[in-house]
Amino acid sequence: QVQLVESGGGLVQAGGSLRLSCAASGRTFRWYIMGWFRRAPGKELEFVAAMDWSSGGVNYADSNKGRFTISRDSAKNTVYLQMNSLKPEDTAVYYCAAAERRWDSSASRSGVYDYWGQGTQVTVSS
């Protein structure tokens, strides 16, 4: 089993920044993808960003390219999501997820992820 714990959410004004963290623990495997998703009130789960843990390859949703950055600290088994120039439409619960698979184009699909965190609320005020 893999446990994922998110932190770093909160309330921020439009134009501000937040950094989310996702600490992974439990068993490790050779190939995995780390992803961030979000669910806004009344909307479906939406892909935000993903990273190949081994190579550092990344993928972003078009809606946040240039504003959000996914990164990792291998020593801490932690993945981060730096969010800049936040907008009210970024308000959502943000989830960290892990997929035990090689990096490919499916990283943006929530269905390929095996493990999920509990989520952290991000609220952006106008």
N, C-alpha and C. Protein backbone atom coordinates (compact mmCIF):
# COMPACT_ATOMS: atom_id res chain seq x y z
N GLN A 1 0.81 -1.19 0.00
CA GLN A 1 0.00 0.00 0.00
C GLN A 1 0.86 1.26 0.00
N VAL A 2 0.33 2.32 -0.55
CA VAL A 2 0.98 3.62 -0.57
C VAL A 2 0.03 4.62 0.07
N GLN A 3 0.55 5.41 0.96
CA GLN A 3 -0.24 6.47 1.60
C GLN A 3 0.23 7.82 1.08
N LEU A 4 -0.72 8.68 0.77
CA LEU A 4 -0.44 10.02 0.28
C LEU A 4 -1.11 11.02 1.18
N VAL A 5 -0.36 12.00 1.63
CA VAL A 5 -0.91 13.03 2.52
C VAL A 5 -0.60 14.40 1.94
N GLU A 6 -1.65 15.13 1.59
CA GLU A 6 -1.48 16.48 1.05
C GLU A 6 -1.48 17.51 2.16
N SER A 7 -0.84 18.62 1.89
CA SER A 7 -0.86 19.76 2.79
C SER A 7 -0.58 21.02 2.00
N GLY A 8 -0.82 22.17 2.61
CA GLY A 8 -0.47 23.43 1.98
C GLY A 8 -1.63 24.22 1.43
N GLY A 9 -2.83 23.66 1.46
CA GLY A 9 -3.97 24.41 0.97
C GLY A 9 -4.32 25.57 1.89
N GLY A 10 -5.25 26.40 1.44
CA GLY A 10 -5.67 27.52 2.25
C GLY A 10 -6.41 28.55 1.45
N LEU A 11 -6.57 29.72 2.06
CA LEU A 11 -7.26 30.84 1.43
C LEU A 11 -6.24 31.86 0.96
N VAL A 12 -6.36 32.28 -0.29
CA VAL A 12 -5.42 33.25 -0.86
C VAL A 12 -6.18 34.19 -1.77
N GLN A 13 -5.69 35.41 -1.89
CA GLN A 13 -6.32 36.36 -2.80
C GLN A 13 -5.89 36.09 -4.24
N ALA A 14 -6.72 36.50 -5.16
CA ALA A 14 -6.39 36.36 -6.57
C ALA A 14 -5.04 37.02 -6.85
N GLY A 15 -4.23 36.34 -7.64
CA GLY A 15 -2.89 36.81 -7.94
C GLY A 15 -1.83 36.26 -7.00
N GLY A 16 -2.27 35.65 -5.93
CA GLY A 16 -1.34 35.11 -4.95
C GLY A 16 -0.82 33.73 -5.32
N SER A 17 -0.07 33.14 -4.39
CA SER A 17 0.58 31.85 -4.63
C SER A 17 0.36 30.91 -3.45
N LEU A 18 0.40 29.64 -3.76
CA LEU A 18 0.38 28.59 -2.75
C LEU A 18 1.27 27.46 -3.24
N ARG A 19 1.84 26.72 -2.29
CA ARG A 19 2.56 25.51 -2.65
C ARG A 19 1.95 24.34 -1.91
N LEU A 20 1.46 23.39 -2.67
CA LEU A 20 0.92 22.16 -2.10
C LEU A 20 2.01 21.11 -2.02
N SER A 21 1.93 20.29 -0.98
CA SER A 21 2.87 19.19 -0.81
C SER A 21 2.10 17.89 -0.72
N CYS A 22 2.73 16.84 -1.18
CA CYS A 22 2.15 15.50 -1.09
C CYS A 22 3.26 14.55 -0.66
N ALA A 23 3.16 14.07 0.56
CA ALA A 23 4.15 13.16 1.12
C ALA A 23 3.68 11.73 0.91
N ALA A 24 4.54 10.91 0.30
CA ALA A 24 4.22 9.52 0.02
C ALA A 24 4.94 8.61 1.00
N SER A 25 4.25 7.59 1.46
CA SER A 25 4.86 6.61 2.34
C SER A 25 4.28 5.23 2.02
N GLY A 26 4.92 4.21 2.56
CA GLY A 26 4.48 2.85 2.29
C GLY A 26 5.41 2.16 1.32
N ARG A 27 4.91 1.18 0.61
CA ARG A 27 5.78 0.42 -0.27
C ARG A 27 6.16 1.27 -1.48
N THR A 28 7.31 0.98 -2.03
CA THR A 28 7.78 1.70 -3.21
C THR A 28 7.82 0.76 -4.40
N PHE A 29 7.82 1.30 -5.56
CA PHE A 29 7.89 0.50 -6.76
C PHE A 29 8.76 1.20 -7.77
N ARG A 30 9.11 0.52 -8.83
CA ARG A 30 10.11 1.05 -9.74
C ARG A 30 9.60 2.18 -10.62
N TRP A 31 8.40 1.99 -11.12
CA TRP A 31 7.89 3.00 -12.07
C TRP A 31 6.60 3.57 -11.51
N TYR A 32 6.58 4.86 -11.31
CA TYR A 32 5.31 5.43 -10.95
C TYR A 32 5.22 6.88 -11.39
N ILE A 33 3.99 7.27 -11.51
CA ILE A 33 3.64 8.62 -11.91
C ILE A 33 2.93 9.29 -10.74
N MET A 34 3.28 10.54 -10.49
CA MET A 34 2.60 11.33 -9.47
C MET A 34 1.77 12.40 -10.16
N GLY A 35 0.53 12.52 -9.74
CA GLY A 35 -0.34 13.49 -10.38
C GLY A 35 -1.07 14.36 -9.37
N TRP A 36 -1.48 15.51 -9.86
CA TRP A 36 -2.37 16.39 -9.10
C TRP A 36 -3.66 16.58 -9.90
N PHE A 37 -4.77 16.45 -9.19
CA PHE A 37 -6.09 16.66 -9.75
C PHE A 37 -6.84 17.63 -8.85
N ARG A 38 -7.94 18.16 -9.34
CA ARG A 38 -8.75 19.04 -8.51
C ARG A 38 -10.23 18.86 -8.85
N ARG A 39 -11.05 19.14 -7.86
CA ARG A 39 -12.50 19.09 -8.06
C ARG A 39 -13.08 20.37 -7.50
N ALA A 40 -13.63 21.17 -8.39
CA ALA A 40 -14.31 22.40 -7.99
C ALA A 40 -15.75 22.08 -7.64
N PRO A 41 -16.39 22.92 -6.85
CA PRO A 41 -17.78 22.67 -6.47
C PRO A 41 -18.68 22.49 -7.69
N GLY A 42 -19.41 21.38 -7.70
CA GLY A 42 -20.34 21.12 -8.79
C GLY A 42 -19.70 20.69 -10.09
N LYS A 43 -18.39 20.43 -10.07
CA LYS A 43 -17.70 20.04 -11.32
C LYS A 43 -17.03 18.69 -11.17
N GLU A 44 -16.62 18.16 -12.29
CA GLU A 44 -15.95 16.87 -12.29
C GLU A 44 -14.49 17.01 -11.91
N LEU A 45 -13.90 15.88 -11.56
CA LEU A 45 -12.47 15.84 -11.26
C LEU A 45 -11.69 16.26 -12.50
N GLU A 46 -10.71 17.12 -12.30
CA GLU A 46 -9.97 17.71 -13.41
C GLU A 46 -8.48 17.49 -13.23
N PHE A 47 -7.80 17.13 -14.30
CA PHE A 47 -6.35 16.96 -14.28
C PHE A 47 -5.67 18.32 -14.14
N VAL A 48 -4.62 18.36 -13.31
CA VAL A 48 -3.85 19.58 -13.13
C VAL A 48 -2.43 19.41 -13.66
N ALA A 49 -1.72 18.41 -13.16
CA ALA A 49 -0.33 18.21 -13.57
C ALA A 49 0.09 16.81 -13.18
N ALA A 50 1.13 16.31 -13.84
CA ALA A 50 1.67 14.99 -13.52
C ALA A 50 3.17 14.97 -13.76
N MET A 51 3.82 14.07 -13.05
CA MET A 51 5.27 13.95 -13.19
C MET A 51 5.68 12.48 -13.16
N ASP A 52 6.61 12.12 -14.02
CA ASP A 52 7.24 10.81 -13.98
C ASP A 52 8.32 10.86 -12.91
N TRP A 53 8.14 10.05 -11.87
CA TRP A 53 9.06 10.13 -10.73
C TRP A 53 10.49 9.82 -11.13
N SER A 54 10.68 8.90 -12.08
CA SER A 54 12.03 8.47 -12.44
C SER A 54 12.75 9.51 -13.29
N SER A 55 12.10 9.98 -14.34
CA SER A 55 12.78 10.85 -15.30
C SER A 55 12.56 12.33 -15.05
N GLY A 56 11.51 12.66 -14.27
CA GLY A 56 11.16 14.06 -14.07
C GLY A 56 10.32 14.64 -15.18
N GLY A 57 9.92 13.80 -16.13
CA GLY A 57 9.04 14.29 -17.18
C GLY A 57 7.75 14.83 -16.59
N VAL A 58 7.21 15.90 -17.21
CA VAL A 58 6.02 16.53 -16.67
C VAL A 58 4.97 16.75 -17.75
N ASN A 59 3.75 16.91 -17.29
CA ASN A 59 2.63 17.20 -18.16
C ASN A 59 1.69 18.12 -17.39
N TYR A 60 1.17 19.13 -18.07
CA TYR A 60 0.27 20.09 -17.43
C TYR A 60 -1.02 20.23 -18.22
N ALA A 61 -2.08 20.53 -17.49
CA ALA A 61 -3.31 20.91 -18.16
C ALA A 61 -3.11 22.28 -18.80
N ASP A 62 -3.72 22.48 -19.94
CA ASP A 62 -3.55 23.75 -20.66
C ASP A 62 -3.98 24.95 -19.81
N SER A 63 -4.95 24.74 -18.93
CA SER A 63 -5.51 25.85 -18.16
C SER A 63 -4.52 26.44 -17.16
N ASN A 64 -3.45 25.68 -16.83
CA ASN A 64 -2.54 26.23 -15.84
C ASN A 64 -1.07 26.22 -16.26
N LYS A 65 -0.83 25.94 -17.53
CA LYS A 65 0.55 26.02 -18.03
C LYS A 65 1.09 27.43 -17.83
N GLY A 66 2.31 27.48 -17.32
CA GLY A 66 2.94 28.77 -17.07
C GLY A 66 2.62 29.34 -15.70
N ARG A 67 1.62 28.81 -15.02
CA ARG A 67 1.28 29.29 -13.68
C ARG A 67 1.62 28.25 -12.61
N PHE A 68 1.45 26.99 -12.94
CA PHE A 68 1.68 25.91 -11.97
C PHE A 68 2.95 25.15 -12.34
N THR A 69 3.65 24.68 -11.31
CA THR A 69 4.85 23.88 -11.52
C THR A 69 4.83 22.69 -10.58
N ILE A 70 4.98 21.50 -11.14
CA ILE A 70 5.08 20.28 -10.34
C ILE A 70 6.56 19.93 -10.19
N SER A 71 6.93 19.51 -9.00
CA SER A 71 8.33 19.13 -8.75
C SER A 71 8.36 18.05 -7.69
N ARG A 72 9.56 17.51 -7.45
CA ARG A 72 9.67 16.44 -6.46
C ARG A 72 10.94 16.60 -5.65
N ASP A 73 10.90 16.03 -4.46
CA ASP A 73 12.09 15.87 -3.63
C ASP A 73 12.19 14.39 -3.33
N SER A 74 13.09 13.72 -4.04
CA SER A 74 13.19 12.27 -3.92
C SER A 74 13.59 11.84 -2.52
N ALA A 75 14.43 12.61 -1.87
CA ALA A 75 14.89 12.25 -0.53
C ALA A 75 13.75 12.27 0.47
N LYS A 76 12.76 13.11 0.21
CA LYS A 76 11.62 13.23 1.13
C LYS A 76 10.39 12.49 0.63
N ASN A 77 10.50 11.83 -0.53
CA ASN A 77 9.34 11.16 -1.12
C ASN A 77 8.14 12.10 -1.19
N THR A 78 8.40 13.29 -1.64
CA THR A 78 7.38 14.34 -1.65
C THR A 78 7.31 14.99 -3.02
N VAL A 79 6.09 15.21 -3.47
CA VAL A 79 5.86 15.94 -4.71
C VAL A 79 5.15 17.24 -4.36
N TYR A 80 5.49 18.29 -5.10
CA TYR A 80 4.96 19.61 -4.82
C TYR A 80 4.18 20.14 -6.03
N LEU A 81 3.28 21.06 -5.73
CA LEU A 81 2.60 21.81 -6.78
C LEU A 81 2.68 23.28 -6.40
N GLN A 82 3.54 24.00 -7.09
CA GLN A 82 3.66 25.43 -6.88
C GLN A 82 2.63 26.12 -7.77
N MET A 83 1.76 26.90 -7.16
CA MET A 83 0.70 27.57 -7.90
C MET A 83 0.86 29.07 -7.77
N ASN A 84 1.09 29.73 -8.89
CA ASN A 84 1.25 31.18 -8.93
C ASN A 84 0.13 31.82 -9.72
N SER A 85 -0.02 33.13 -9.56
CA SER A 85 -1.05 33.89 -10.29
C SER A 85 -2.41 33.21 -10.17
N LEU A 86 -2.76 32.86 -8.96
CA LEU A 86 -4.00 32.12 -8.75
C LEU A 86 -5.22 32.95 -9.11
N LYS A 87 -6.23 32.25 -9.61
CA LYS A 87 -7.48 32.86 -10.02
C LYS A 87 -8.63 32.27 -9.22
N PRO A 88 -9.73 32.99 -9.10
CA PRO A 88 -10.88 32.41 -8.37
C PRO A 88 -11.33 31.07 -8.95
N GLU A 89 -11.17 30.88 -10.24
CA GLU A 89 -11.57 29.61 -10.84
C GLU A 89 -10.64 28.46 -10.50
N ASP A 90 -9.54 28.74 -9.81
CA ASP A 90 -8.66 27.68 -9.31
C ASP A 90 -9.17 27.11 -7.99
N THR A 91 -10.21 27.71 -7.43
CA THR A 91 -10.78 27.22 -6.17
C THR A 91 -11.28 25.80 -6.36
N ALA A 92 -10.81 24.90 -5.50
CA ALA A 92 -11.16 23.48 -5.61
C ALA A 92 -10.51 22.72 -4.46
N VAL A 93 -10.90 21.47 -4.33
CA VAL A 93 -10.15 20.54 -3.50
C VAL A 93 -9.10 19.89 -4.40
N TYR A 94 -7.86 19.95 -3.99
CA TYR A 94 -6.75 19.41 -4.77
C TYR A 94 -6.33 18.07 -4.20
N TYR A 95 -6.20 17.09 -5.09
CA TYR A 95 -5.84 15.73 -4.71
C TYR A 95 -4.51 15.33 -5.34
N CYS A 96 -3.72 14.65 -4.55
CA CYS A 96 -2.50 14.03 -5.03
C CYS A 96 -2.81 12.56 -5.33
N ALA A 97 -2.18 12.02 -6.37
CA ALA A 97 -2.43 10.63 -6.74
C ALA A 97 -1.15 9.99 -7.25
N ALA A 98 -1.08 8.67 -7.13
CA ALA A 98 0.08 7.91 -7.59
C ALA A 98 -0.38 6.75 -8.45
N ALA A 99 0.32 6.54 -9.54
CA ALA A 99 0.00 5.45 -10.46
C ALA A 99 1.22 4.56 -10.63
N GLU A 100 1.03 3.29 -10.45
CA GLU A 100 2.14 2.34 -10.60
C GLU A 100 2.21 1.92 -12.06
N ARG A 101 2.86 2.72 -12.87
CA ARG A 101 2.96 2.46 -14.30
C ARG A 101 4.04 3.33 -14.89
N ARG A 102 4.47 2.93 -16.09
CA ARG A 102 5.46 3.73 -16.80
C ARG A 102 4.82 5.01 -17.31
N TRP A 103 5.64 6.00 -17.48
CA TRP A 103 5.19 7.29 -17.98
C TRP A 103 4.68 7.17 -19.40
N ASP A 104 3.47 7.66 -19.62
CA ASP A 104 2.94 7.73 -20.98
C ASP A 104 1.85 8.78 -21.02
N SER A 105 1.15 8.85 -22.12
CA SER A 105 0.17 9.92 -22.33
C SER A 105 -1.06 9.77 -21.45
N SER A 106 -1.19 8.64 -20.78
CA SER A 106 -2.37 8.43 -19.93
C SER A 106 -2.26 9.13 -18.58
N ALA A 107 -1.15 9.81 -18.33
CA ALA A 107 -0.93 10.42 -17.02
C ALA A 107 -1.98 11.47 -16.67
N SER A 108 -2.70 11.98 -17.66
CA SER A 108 -3.73 12.98 -17.39
C SER A 108 -5.09 12.38 -17.06
N ARG A 109 -5.17 11.06 -17.10
CA ARG A 109 -6.45 10.39 -16.86
C ARG A 109 -6.52 9.90 -15.42
N SER A 110 -7.54 10.30 -14.70
CA SER A 110 -7.64 9.92 -13.28
C SER A 110 -7.78 8.42 -13.11
N GLY A 111 -8.34 7.73 -14.11
CA GLY A 111 -8.60 6.31 -13.98
C GLY A 111 -7.37 5.44 -13.88
N VAL A 112 -6.20 5.98 -14.26
CA VAL A 112 -4.99 5.14 -14.22
C VAL A 112 -4.29 5.19 -12.87
N TYR A 113 -4.77 6.04 -11.98
CA TYR A 113 -4.10 6.21 -10.69
C TYR A 113 -4.62 5.20 -9.68
N ASP A 114 -3.68 4.66 -8.91
CA ASP A 114 -3.99 3.58 -7.97
C ASP A 114 -4.22 4.09 -6.55
N TYR A 115 -3.59 5.18 -6.21
CA TYR A 115 -3.64 5.67 -4.84
C TYR A 115 -3.95 7.16 -4.84
N TRP A 116 -4.74 7.57 -3.83
CA TRP A 116 -5.18 8.96 -3.73
C TRP A 116 -5.02 9.48 -2.31
N GLY A 117 -4.72 10.76 -2.21
CA GLY A 117 -4.71 11.41 -0.92
C GLY A 117 -6.11 11.87 -0.55
N GLN A 118 -6.20 12.49 0.61
CA GLN A 118 -7.51 12.89 1.13
C GLN A 118 -7.96 14.24 0.57
N GLY A 119 -7.05 14.98 -0.02
CA GLY A 119 -7.39 16.26 -0.60
C GLY A 119 -7.10 17.43 0.31
N THR A 120 -6.82 18.57 -0.28
CA THR A 120 -6.61 19.80 0.48
C THR A 120 -7.34 20.93 -0.23
N GLN A 121 -8.03 21.75 0.55
CA GLN A 121 -8.87 22.81 -0.02
C GLN A 121 -8.03 24.02 -0.38
N VAL A 122 -8.24 24.52 -1.59
CA VAL A 122 -7.64 25.77 -2.03
C VAL A 122 -8.78 26.72 -2.39
N THR A 123 -8.79 27.87 -1.77
CA THR A 123 -9.82 28.87 -2.03
C THR A 123 -9.15 30.17 -2.45
N VAL A 124 -9.53 30.68 -3.62
CA VAL A 124 -8.96 31.91 -4.14
C VAL A 124 -10.06 32.96 -4.17
N SER A 125 -9.86 34.01 -3.42
CA SER A 125 -10.86 35.07 -3.35
C SER A 125 -10.58 36.15 -4.39
N SER A 126 -11.64 36.77 -4.87
CA SER A 126 -11.48 37.80 -5.91
C SER A 126 -11.30 39.17 -5.29
